[in-house]
PDB file of N, CA and C in Angstrom:
ATOM      1  N   VAL A   1       0.856  -1.171   0.000  1.00  0.00           N
ATOM      2  CA  VAL A   1       0.000   0.000   0.000  1.00  0.00           C
ATOM      3  C   VAL A   1       0.897   1.228   0.000  1.00  0.00           C
ATOM      4  N   ASP A   2       0.442   2.283  -0.617  1.00  0.00           N
ATOM      5  CA  ASP A   2       1.328   3.392  -0.939  1.00  0.00           C
ATOM      6  C   ASP A   2       1.299   4.604  -0.020  1.00  0.00           C
ATOM      7  N   GLY A   3       0.507   4.653   1.021  1.00  0.00           N
ATOM      8  CA  GLY A   3       0.501   5.786   1.932  1.00  0.00           C
ATOM      9  C   GLY A   3      -0.453   6.900   1.558  1.00  0.00           C
ATOM     10  N   LYS A   4      -1.247   6.710   0.545  1.00  0.00           N
ATOM     11  CA  LYS A   4      -2.221   7.730   0.148  1.00  0.00           C
ATOM     12  C   LYS A   4      -3.364   7.746   1.157  1.00  0.00           C
ATOM     13  N   PHE A   5      -3.904   8.938   1.410  1.00  0.00           N
ATOM     14  CA  PHE A   5      -5.081   9.034   2.270  1.00  0.00           C
ATOM     15  C   PHE A   5      -6.135   9.901   1.603  1.00  0.00           C
ATOM     16  N   TYR A   6      -7.387   9.665   1.992  1.00  0.00           N
ATOM     17  CA  TYR A   6      -8.521  10.420   1.481  1.00  0.00           C
ATOM     18  C   TYR A   6      -9.282  11.018   2.651  1.00  0.00           C
ATOM     19  N   VAL A   7      -9.802  12.232   2.482  1.00  0.00           N
ATOM     20  CA  VAL A   7     -10.686  12.861   3.451  1.00  0.00           C
ATOM     21  C   VAL A   7     -12.072  12.845   2.830  1.00  0.00           C
ATOM     22  N   LEU A   8     -13.012  12.239   3.557  1.00  0.00           N
ATOM     23  CA  LEU A   8     -14.372  12.082   3.053  1.00  0.00           C
ATOM     24  C   LEU A   8     -15.352  12.872   3.898  1.00  0.00           C
ATOM     25  N   ASP A   9     -16.454  13.276   3.282  1.00  0.00           N
ATOM     26  CA  ASP A   9     -17.521  13.971   3.987  1.00  0.00           C
ATOM     27  C   ASP A   9     -18.830  13.266   3.664  1.00  0.00           C
ATOM     28  N   VAL A  10     -19.737  13.269   4.607  1.00  0.00           N
ATOM     29  CA  VAL A  10     -21.062  12.696   4.389  1.00  0.00           C
ATOM     30  C   VAL A  10     -21.969  13.820   3.898  1.00  0.00           C
ATOM     31  N   VAL A  11     -22.565  13.620   2.733  1.00  0.00           N
ATOM     32  CA  VAL A  11     -23.423  14.632   2.117  1.00  0.00           C
ATOM     33  C   VAL A  11     -24.798  14.025   1.871  1.00  0.00           C
ATOM     34  N   THR A  12     -25.830  14.766   2.277  1.00  0.00           N
ATOM     35  CA  THR A  12     -27.204  14.332   2.033  1.00  0.00           C
ATOM     36  C   THR A  12     -27.811  15.233   0.975  1.00  0.00           C
ATOM     37  N   SER A  13     -28.310  14.627  -0.088  1.00  0.00           N
ATOM     38  CA  SER A  13     -28.923  15.397  -1.166  1.00  0.00           C
ATOM     39  C   SER A  13     -30.315  15.866  -0.755  1.00  0.00           C
ATOM     40  N   ASP A  14     -30.905  16.740  -1.548  1.00  0.00           N
ATOM     41  CA  ASP A  14     -32.243  17.257  -1.262  1.00  0.00           C
ATOM     42  C   ASP A  14     -33.296  16.152  -1.222  1.00  0.00           C
ATOM     43  N   ASP A  15     -33.053  15.062  -1.970  1.00  0.00           N
ATOM     44  CA  ASP A  15     -34.017  13.968  -1.972  1.00  0.00           C
ATOM     45  C   ASP A  15     -33.702  12.893  -0.930  1.00  0.00           C
ATOM     46  N   GLY A  16     -32.767  13.189  -0.004  1.00  0.00           N
ATOM     47  CA  GLY A  16     -32.495  12.298   1.119  1.00  0.00           C
ATOM     48  C   GLY A  16     -31.456  11.228   0.883  1.00  0.00           C
ATOM     49  N   ILE A  17     -30.790  11.237  -0.253  1.00  0.00           N
ATOM     50  CA  ILE A  17     -29.755  10.244  -0.532  1.00  0.00           C
ATOM     51  C   ILE A  17     -28.458  10.667   0.162  1.00  0.00           C
ATOM     52  N   VAL A  18     -27.878   9.739   0.907  1.00  0.00           N
ATOM     53  CA  VAL A  18     -26.645  10.003   1.649  1.00  0.00           C
ATOM     54  C   VAL A  18     -25.473   9.411   0.878  1.00  0.00           C
ATOM     55  N   GLU A  19     -24.438  10.223   0.688  1.00  0.00           N
ATOM     56  CA  GLU A  19     -23.256   9.790  -0.050  1.00  0.00           C
ATOM     57  C   GLU A  19     -21.990  10.184   0.696  1.00  0.00           C
ATOM     58  N   LEU A  20     -20.921   9.431   0.458  1.00  0.00           N
ATOM     59  CA  LEU A  20     -19.592   9.834   0.889  1.00  0.00           C
ATOM     60  C   LEU A  20     -18.939  10.547  -0.284  1.00  0.00           C
ATOM     61  N   VAL A  21     -18.428  11.749  -0.029  1.00  0.00           N
ATOM     62  CA  VAL A  21     -17.820  12.557  -1.072  1.00  0.00           C
ATOM     63  C   VAL A  21     -16.377  12.849  -0.687  1.00  0.00           C
ATOM     64  N   LYS A  22     -15.448  12.609  -1.608  1.00  0.00           N
ATOM     65  CA  LYS A  22     -14.038  12.907  -1.359  1.00  0.00           C
ATOM     66  C   LYS A  22     -13.843  14.417  -1.419  1.00  0.00           C
ATOM     67  N   ILE A  23     -13.296  14.989  -0.312  1.00  0.00           N
ATOM     68  CA  ILE A  23     -13.050  16.428  -0.299  1.00  0.00           C
ATOM     69  C   ILE A  23     -11.559  16.752  -0.394  1.00  0.00           C
ATOM     70  N   ASN A  24     -10.716  15.770  -0.160  1.00  0.00           N
ATOM     71  CA  ASN A  24      -9.280  15.992  -0.285  1.00  0.00           C
ATOM     72  C   ASN A  24      -8.562  14.644  -0.304  1.00  0.00           C
ATOM     73  N   GLU A  25      -7.314  14.667  -0.747  1.00  0.00           N
ATOM     74  CA  GLU A  25      -6.464  13.482  -0.688  1.00  0.00           C
ATOM     75  C   GLU A  25      -5.019  13.936  -0.558  1.00  0.00           C
ATOM     76  N   GLY A  26      -4.194  13.061  -0.045  1.00  0.00           N
ATOM     77  CA  GLY A  26      -2.783  13.376   0.117  1.00  0.00           C
ATOM     78  C   GLY A  26      -1.942  12.119   0.031  1.00  0.00           C
ATOM     79  N   HIS A  27      -0.645  12.346  -0.085  1.00  0.00           N
ATOM     80  CA  HIS A  27       0.266  11.216  -0.211  1.00  0.00           C
ATOM     81  C   HIS A  27       1.657  11.639   0.253  1.00  0.00           C
ATOM     82  N   ASN A  28       1.910  11.491   1.545  1.00  0.00           N
ATOM     83  CA  ASN A  28       3.225  11.804   2.097  1.00  0.00           C
ATOM     84  C   ASN A  28       3.909  10.585   2.693  1.00  0.00           C
ATOM     85  N   ALA A  29       3.130   9.667   3.255  1.00  0.00           N
ATOM     86  CA  ALA A  29       3.701   8.486   3.899  1.00  0.00           C
ATOM     87  C   ALA A  29       4.288   7.529   2.870  1.00  0.00           C
ATOM     88  N   LYS A  30       5.292   6.788   3.322  1.00  0.00           N
ATOM     89  CA  LYS A  30       5.941   5.791   2.464  1.00  0.00           C
ATOM     90  C   LYS A  30       5.331   4.401   2.651  1.00  0.00           C
ATOM     91  N   ALA A  31       4.382   4.293   3.579  1.00  0.00           N
ATOM     92  CA  ALA A  31       3.684   3.034   3.850  1.00  0.00           C
ATOM     93  C   ALA A  31       2.247   3.377   4.236  1.00  0.00           C
ATOM     94  N   PHE A  32       1.427   2.363   4.456  1.00  0.00           N
ATOM     95  CA  PHE A  32       0.012   2.616   4.708  1.00  0.00           C
ATOM     96  C   PHE A  32      -0.224   3.392   5.999  1.00  0.00           C
ATOM     97  N   THR A  33      -1.312   4.160   6.012  1.00  0.00           N
ATOM     98  CA  THR A  33      -1.742   4.899   7.195  1.00  0.00           C
ATOM     99  C   THR A  33      -2.422   3.915   8.141  1.00  0.00           C
ATOM    100  N   SER A  34      -1.941   3.872   9.382  1.00  0.00           N
ATOM    101  CA  SER A  34      -2.452   2.893  10.337  1.00  0.00           C
ATOM    102  C   SER A  34      -3.416   3.479  11.362  1.00  0.00           C
ATOM    103  N   CYS A  35      -3.393   4.810  11.560  1.00  0.00           N
ATOM    104  CA  CYS A  35      -4.302   5.438  12.514  1.00  0.00           C
ATOM    105  C   CYS A  35      -4.388   6.932  12.225  1.00  0.00           C
ATOM    106  N   ALA A  36      -5.425   7.547  12.772  1.00  0.00           N
ATOM    107  CA  ALA A  36      -5.640   8.983  12.558  1.00  0.00           C
ATOM    108  C   ALA A  36      -6.327   9.572  13.780  1.00  0.00           C
ATOM    109  N   ALA A  37      -6.082  10.877  14.019  1.00  0.00           N
ATOM    110  CA  ALA A  37      -6.760  11.573  15.113  1.00  0.00           C
ATOM    111  C   ALA A  37      -6.888  13.049  14.761  1.00  0.00           C
ATOM    112  N   TYR A  38      -8.100  13.580  14.933  1.00  0.00           N
ATOM    113  CA  TYR A  38      -8.315  15.017  14.780  1.00  0.00           C
ATOM    114  C   TYR A  38      -8.066  15.682  16.129  1.00  0.00           C
ATOM    115  N   ALA A  39      -7.458  16.865  16.102  1.00  0.00           N
ATOM    116  CA  ALA A  39      -7.258  17.644  17.314  1.00  0.00           C
ATOM    117  C   ALA A  39      -8.620  18.132  17.806  1.00  0.00           C
ATOM    118  N   PRO A  40      -8.823  18.186  19.126  1.00  0.00           N
ATOM    119  CA  PRO A  40     -10.109  18.649  19.660  1.00  0.00           C
ATOM    120  C   PRO A  40     -10.510  20.045  19.187  1.00  0.00           C
ATOM    121  N   ASP A  41      -9.539  20.913  18.915  1.00  0.00           N
ATOM    122  CA  ASP A  41      -9.874  22.261  18.452  1.00  0.00           C
ATOM    123  C   ASP A  41     -10.211  22.298  16.961  1.00  0.00           C
ATOM    124  N   GLY A  42     -10.101  21.170  16.268  1.00  0.00           N
ATOM    125  CA  GLY A  42     -10.447  21.093  14.857  1.00  0.00           C
ATOM    126  C   GLY A  42      -9.422  21.681  13.912  1.00  0.00           C
ATOM    127  N   GLY A  43      -8.277  22.099  14.425  1.00  0.00           N
ATOM    128  CA  GLY A  43      -7.282  22.780  13.598  1.00  0.00           C
ATOM    129  C   GLY A  43      -6.326  21.885  12.851  1.00  0.00           C
ATOM    130  N   SER A  44      -6.181  20.641  13.296  1.00  0.00           N
ATOM    131  CA  SER A  44      -5.241  19.750  12.613  1.00  0.00           C
ATOM    132  C   SER A  44      -5.666  18.298  12.759  1.00  0.00           C
ATOM    133  N   VAL A  45      -5.050  17.480  11.913  1.00  0.00           N
ATOM    134  CA  VAL A  45      -5.266  16.046  11.968  1.00  0.00           C
ATOM    135  C   VAL A  45      -3.893  15.383  11.912  1.00  0.00           C
ATOM    136  N   ALA A  46      -3.726  14.327  12.692  1.00  0.00           N
ATOM    137  CA  ALA A  46      -2.480  13.561  12.702  1.00  0.00           C
ATOM    138  C   ALA A  46      -2.759  12.206  12.072  1.00  0.00           C
ATOM    139  N   LEU A  47      -1.845  11.774  11.209  1.00  0.00           N
ATOM    140  CA  LEU A  47      -1.923  10.447  10.610  1.00  0.00           C
ATOM    141  C   LEU A  47      -0.678   9.674  11.000  1.00  0.00           C
ATOM    142  N   GLY A  48      -0.857   8.500  11.580  1.00  0.00           N
ATOM    143  CA  GLY A  48       0.254   7.622  11.910  1.00  0.00           C
ATOM    144  C   GLY A  48       0.393   6.576  10.826  1.00  0.00           C
ATOM    145  N   ALA A  49       1.623   6.240  10.475  1.00  0.00           N
ATOM    146  CA  ALA A  49       1.834   5.327   9.357  1.00  0.00           C
ATOM    147  C   ALA A  49       2.755   4.168   9.731  1.00  0.00           C
ATOM    148  N   ALA A  50       2.734   3.162   8.885  1.00  0.00           N
ATOM    149  CA  ALA A  50       3.578   1.991   9.071  1.00  0.00           C
ATOM    150  C   ALA A  50       5.045   2.267   8.751  1.00  0.00           C
ATOM    151  N   ASP A  51       5.363   3.465   8.286  1.00  0.00           N
ATOM    152  CA  ASP A  51       6.758   3.846   8.048  1.00  0.00           C
ATOM    153  C   ASP A  51       7.397   4.487   9.285  1.00  0.00           C
ATOM    154  N   ASN A  52       6.724   4.340  10.466  1.00  0.00           N
ATOM    155  CA  ASN A  52       7.222   4.822  11.766  1.00  0.00           C
ATOM    156  C   ASN A  52       7.112   6.338  11.935  1.00  0.00           C
ATOM    157  N   VAL A  53       6.294   6.989  11.143  1.00  0.00           N
ATOM    158  CA  VAL A  53       6.223   8.451  11.137  1.00  0.00           C
ATOM    159  C   VAL A  53       4.793   8.907  11.412  1.00  0.00           C
ATOM    160  N   VAL A  54       4.687  10.050  12.132  1.00  0.00           N
ATOM    161  CA  VAL A  54       3.412  10.739  12.318  1.00  0.00           C
ATOM    162  C   VAL A  54       3.445  11.980  11.439  1.00  0.00           C
ATOM    163  N   TYR A  55       2.406  12.161  10.637  1.00  0.00           N
ATOM    164  CA  TYR A  55       2.287  13.306   9.735  1.00  0.00           C
ATOM    165  C   TYR A  55       1.184  14.211  10.261  1.00  0.00           C
ATOM    166  N   LEU A  56       1.480  15.509  10.396  1.00  0.00           N
ATOM    167  CA  LEU A  56       0.505  16.473  10.907  1.00  0.00           C
ATOM    168  C   LEU A  56       0.074  17.409   9.784  1.00  0.00           C
ATOM    169  N   TYR A  57      -1.247  17.544   9.623  1.00  0.00           N
ATOM    170  CA  TYR A  57      -1.825  18.363   8.564  1.00  0.00           C
ATOM    171  C   TYR A  57      -2.718  19.436   9.173  1.00  0.00           C
ATOM    172  N   SER A  58      -2.668  20.645   8.613  1.00  0.00           N
ATOM    173  CA  SER A  58      -3.602  21.689   9.021  1.00  0.00           C
ATOM    174  C   SER A  58      -4.942  21.401   8.355  1.00  0.00           C
ATOM    175  N   VAL A  59      -6.021  21.599   9.081  1.00  0.00           N
ATOM    176  CA  VAL A  59      -7.344  21.328   8.545  1.00  0.00           C
ATOM    177  C   VAL A  59      -7.961  22.603   7.976  1.00  0.00           C
ATOM    178  N   THR A  60      -7.664  23.713   8.589  1.00  0.00           N
ATOM    179  CA  THR A  60      -8.227  24.990   8.158  1.00  0.00           C
ATOM    180  C   THR A  60      -7.143  25.824   7.487  1.00  0.00           C
ATOM    181  N   GLY A  61      -7.544  26.918   6.913  1.00  0.00           N
ATOM    182  CA  GLY A  61      -6.578  27.814   6.288  1.00  0.00           C
ATOM    183  C   GLY A  61      -6.726  27.843   4.781  1.00  0.00           C
ATOM    184  N   ALA A  62      -5.776  28.504   4.134  1.00  0.00           N
ATOM    185  CA  ALA A  62      -5.832  28.686   2.682  1.00  0.00           C
ATOM    186  C   ALA A  62      -5.720  27.364   1.935  1.00  0.00           C
ATOM    187  N   THR A  63      -4.934  26.416   2.477  1.00  0.00           N
ATOM    188  CA  THR A  63      -4.753  25.111   1.843  1.00  0.00           C
ATOM    189  C   THR A  63      -5.098  24.020   2.854  1.00  0.00           C
ATOM    190  N   PRO A  64      -6.372  23.615   2.923  1.00  0.00           N
ATOM    191  CA  PRO A  64      -6.749  22.571   3.879  1.00  0.00           C
ATOM    192  C   PRO A  64      -5.995  21.262   3.621  1.00  0.00           C
ATOM    193  N   TYR A  65      -5.673  20.588   4.692  1.00  0.00           N
ATOM    194  CA  TYR A  65      -4.961  19.307   4.680  1.00  0.00           C
ATOM    195  C   TYR A  65      -3.569  19.430   4.066  1.00  0.00           C
ATOM    196  N   GLU A  66      -2.920  20.543   4.399  1.00  0.00           N
ATOM    197  CA  GLU A  66      -1.530  20.743   3.984  1.00  0.00           C
ATOM    198  C   GLU A  66      -0.611  20.220   5.092  1.00  0.00           C
ATOM    199  N   LEU A  67       0.397  19.445   4.720  1.00  0.00           N
ATOM    200  CA  LEU A  67       1.367  18.913   5.683  1.00  0.00           C
ATOM    201  C   LEU A  67       2.149  20.065   6.298  1.00  0.00           C
ATOM    202  N   TYR A  68       2.195  20.121   7.645  1.00  0.00           N
ATOM    203  CA  TYR A  68       2.974  21.176   8.290  1.00  0.00           C
ATOM    204  C   TYR A  68       4.027  20.648   9.260  1.00  0.00           C
ATOM    205  N   ALA A  69       3.992  19.364   9.596  1.00  0.00           N
ATOM    206  CA  ALA A  69       5.015  18.823  10.496  1.00  0.00           C
ATOM    207  C   ALA A  69       5.111  17.313  10.336  1.00  0.00           C
ATOM    208  N   VAL A  70       6.299  16.794  10.624  1.00  0.00           N
ATOM    209  CA  VAL A  70       6.562  15.358  10.588  1.00  0.00           C
ATOM    210  C   VAL A  70       7.257  14.997  11.898  1.00  0.00           C
ATOM    211  N   PHE A  71       6.788  13.942  12.544  1.00  0.00           N
ATOM    212  CA  PHE A  71       7.348  13.459  13.803  1.00  0.00           C
ATOM    213  C   PHE A  71       7.887  12.061  13.529  1.00  0.00           C
ATOM    214  N   ASP A  72       9.213  11.939  13.441  1.00  0.00           N
ATOM    215  CA  ASP A  72       9.826  10.690  12.959  1.00  0.00           C
ATOM    216  C   ASP A  72      10.792  10.043  13.956  1.00  0.00           C
ATOM    217  N   LYS A  73      10.449  10.071  15.226  1.00  0.00           N
ATOM    218  CA  LYS A  73      11.332   9.536  16.270  1.00  0.00           C
ATOM    219  C   LYS A  73      10.983   8.117  16.731  1.00  0.00           C
ATOM    220  N   HIS A  74       9.933   7.527  16.188  1.00  0.00           N
ATOM    221  CA  HIS A  74       9.531   6.189  16.615  1.00  0.00           C
ATOM    222  C   HIS A  74      10.393   5.101  15.987  1.00  0.00           C
ATOM    223  N   GLU A  75      10.480   3.989  16.699  1.00  0.00           N
ATOM    224  CA  GLU A  75      11.279   2.846  16.245  1.00  0.00           C
ATOM    225  C   GLU A  75      10.417   1.743  15.641  1.00  0.00           C
ATOM    226  N   GLY A  76       9.135   1.998  15.457  1.00  0.00           N
ATOM    227  CA  GLY A  76       8.230   1.019  14.871  1.00  0.00           C
ATOM    228  C   GLY A  76       7.019   1.705  14.288  1.00  0.00           C
ATOM    229  N   PRO A  77       6.176   0.956  13.587  1.00  0.00           N
ATOM    230  CA  PRO A  77       4.953   1.510  13.000  1.00  0.00           C
ATOM    231  C   PRO A  77       4.059   2.147  14.067  1.00  0.00           C
ATOM    232  N   ILE A  78       3.367   3.204  13.697  1.00  0.00           N
ATOM    233  CA  ILE A  78       2.504   3.919  14.635  1.00  0.00           C
ATOM    234  C   ILE A  78       1.206   3.131  14.815  1.00  0.00           C
ATOM    235  N   ALA A  79       0.849   2.885  16.073  1.00  0.00           N
ATOM    236  CA  ALA A  79      -0.340   2.086  16.389  1.00  0.00           C
ATOM    237  C   ALA A  79      -1.514   2.944  16.847  1.00  0.00           C
ATOM    238  N   SER A  80      -1.230   4.050  17.551  1.00  0.00           N
ATOM    239  CA  SER A  80      -2.330   4.886  18.039  1.00  0.00           C
ATOM    240  C   SER A  80      -1.859   6.318  18.249  1.00  0.00           C
ATOM    241  N   LEU A  81      -2.828   7.236  18.190  1.00  0.00           N
ATOM    242  CA  LEU A  81      -2.567   8.670  18.346  1.00  0.00           C
ATOM    243  C   LEU A  81      -3.603   9.256  19.279  1.00  0.00           C
ATOM    244  N   ASP A  82      -3.203  10.291  20.047  1.00  0.00           N
ATOM    245  CA  ASP A  82      -4.135  10.926  20.966  1.00  0.00           C
ATOM    246  C   ASP A  82      -3.686  12.358  21.226  1.00  0.00           C
ATOM    247  N   PHE A  83      -4.547  13.329  20.926  1.00  0.00           N
ATOM    248  CA  PHE A  83      -4.280  14.723  21.271  1.00  0.00           C
ATOM    249  C   PHE A  83      -4.739  14.979  22.699  1.00  0.00           C
ATOM    250  N   CYS A  84      -4.065  15.887  23.403  1.00  0.00           N
ATOM    251  CA  CYS A  84      -4.549  16.300  24.720  1.00  0.00           C
ATOM    252  C   CYS A  84      -5.760  17.213  24.511  1.00  0.00           C
ATOM    253  N   SER A  85      -6.502  17.490  25.555  1.00  0.00           N
ATOM    254  CA  SER A  85      -7.775  18.199  25.432  1.00  0.00           C
ATOM    255  C   SER A  85      -7.644  19.612  24.871  1.00  0.00           C
ATOM    256  N   ASP A  86      -6.483  20.256  25.053  1.00  0.00           N
ATOM    257  CA  ASP A  86      -6.313  21.615  24.511  1.00  0.00           C
ATOM    258  C   ASP A  86      -5.605  21.625  23.152  1.00  0.00           C
ATOM    259  N   SER A  87      -5.367  20.454  22.585  1.00  0.00           N
ATOM    260  CA  SER A  87      -4.771  20.271  21.253  1.00  0.00           C
ATOM    261  C   SER A  87      -3.310  20.695  21.148  1.00  0.00           C
ATOM    262  N   LYS A  88      -2.654  20.983  22.277  1.00  0.00           N
ATOM    263  CA  LYS A  88      -1.265  21.459  22.229  1.00  0.00           C
ATOM    264  C   LYS A  88      -0.236  20.335  22.157  1.00  0.00           C
ATOM    265  N   PHE A  89      -0.602  19.141  22.605  1.00  0.00           N
ATOM    266  CA  PHE A  89       0.320  18.011  22.592  1.00  0.00           C
ATOM    267  C   PHE A  89      -0.332  16.807  21.913  1.00  0.00           C
ATOM    268  N   LEU A  90       0.512  16.002  21.284  1.00  0.00           N
ATOM    269  CA  LEU A  90       0.066  14.771  20.640  1.00  0.00           C
ATOM    270  C   LEU A  90       0.888  13.630  21.201  1.00  0.00           C
ATOM    271  N   ARG A  91       0.212  12.562  21.624  1.00  0.00           N
ATOM    272  CA  ARG A  91       0.897  11.344  22.048  1.00  0.00           C
ATOM    273  C   ARG A  91       0.765  10.329  20.927  1.00  0.00           C
ATOM    274  N   ALA A  92       1.855   9.628  20.671  1.00  0.00           N
ATOM    275  CA  ALA A  92       1.848   8.601  19.633  1.00  0.00           C
ATOM    276  C   ALA A  92       2.516   7.355  20.182  1.00  0.00           C
ATOM    277  N   CYS A  93       1.880   6.218  19.972  1.00  0.00           N
ATOM    278  CA  CYS A  93       2.412   4.947  20.445  1.00  0.00           C
ATOM    279  C   CYS A  93       2.705   4.055  19.243  1.00  0.00           C
ATOM    280  N   ALA A  94       3.885   3.455  19.242  1.00  0.00           N
ATOM    281  CA  ALA A  94       4.282   2.543  18.168  1.00  0.00           C
ATOM    282  C   ALA A  94       3.916   1.109  18.548  1.00  0.00           C
ATOM    283  N   THR A  95       3.943   0.228  17.577  1.00  0.00           N
ATOM    284  CA  THR A  95       3.652  -1.183  17.837  1.00  0.00           C
ATOM    285  C   THR A  95       4.688  -1.820  18.753  1.00  0.00           C
ATOM    286  N   THR A  96       5.825  -1.166  18.933  1.00  0.00           N
ATOM    287  CA  THR A  96       6.873  -1.650  19.833  1.00  0.00           C
ATOM    288  C   THR A  96       6.564  -1.323  21.285  1.00  0.00           C
ATOM    289  N   GLY A  97       5.504  -0.514  21.529  1.00  0.00           N
ATOM    290  CA  GLY A  97       5.180  -0.070  22.864  1.00  0.00           C
ATOM    291  C   GLY A  97       5.786   1.283  23.208  1.00  0.00           C
ATOM    292  N   GLN A  98       6.611   1.798  22.328  1.00  0.00           N
ATOM    293  CA  GLN A  98       7.242   3.105  22.546  1.00  0.00           C
ATOM    294  C   GLN A  98       6.192   4.209  22.469  1.00  0.00           C
ATOM    295  N   LEU A  99       6.111   5.023  23.540  1.00  0.00           N
ATOM    296  CA  LEU A  99       5.163   6.134  23.623  1.00  0.00           C
ATOM    297  C   LEU A  99       5.954   7.430  23.643  1.00  0.00           C
ATOM    298  N   LEU A 100       5.683   8.312  22.681  1.00  0.00           N
ATOM    299  CA  LEU A 100       6.362   9.599  22.597  1.00  0.00           C
ATOM    300  C   LEU A 100       5.315  10.694  22.464  1.00  0.00           C
ATOM    301  N   ALA A 101       5.686  11.896  22.879  1.00  0.00           N
ATOM    302  CA  ALA A 101       4.788  13.053  22.765  1.00  0.00           C
ATOM    303  C   ALA A 101       5.508  14.171  22.036  1.00  0.00           C
ATOM    304  N   CYS A 102       4.717  14.974  21.340  1.00  0.00           N
ATOM    305  CA  CYS A 102       5.285  16.147  20.658  1.00  0.00           C
ATOM    306  C   CYS A 102       4.333  17.320  20.849  1.00  0.00           C
ATOM    307  N   GLN A 103       4.883  18.517  20.709  1.00  0.00           N
ATOM    308  CA  GLN A 103       4.097  19.738  20.881  1.00  0.00           C
ATOM    309  C   GLN A 103       3.850  20.373  19.550  1.00  0.00           C
TER     310      GLN A 103
END
């Protein structure tokens, strides 16, 4: 798998039909995306990948879903992500059990 990701939205038409619509896509990871987490403030999304890297994207602004940071200190594939309640810190855990945080 190539590391591509899609951002989808649920859209309901006037006649009540519900569809998933692609609103964005990206491709920065070198391996598949294994987990994702939106920041509580809605300003960013983190994607953890099997290439041992966390990719951070801005959600709002002139270019939505633009990569703005890479966190590459893990020694194994990313298994889970968690933002703190004020969105200032991100915790990431690898499949090796290694837990790291970034600001």
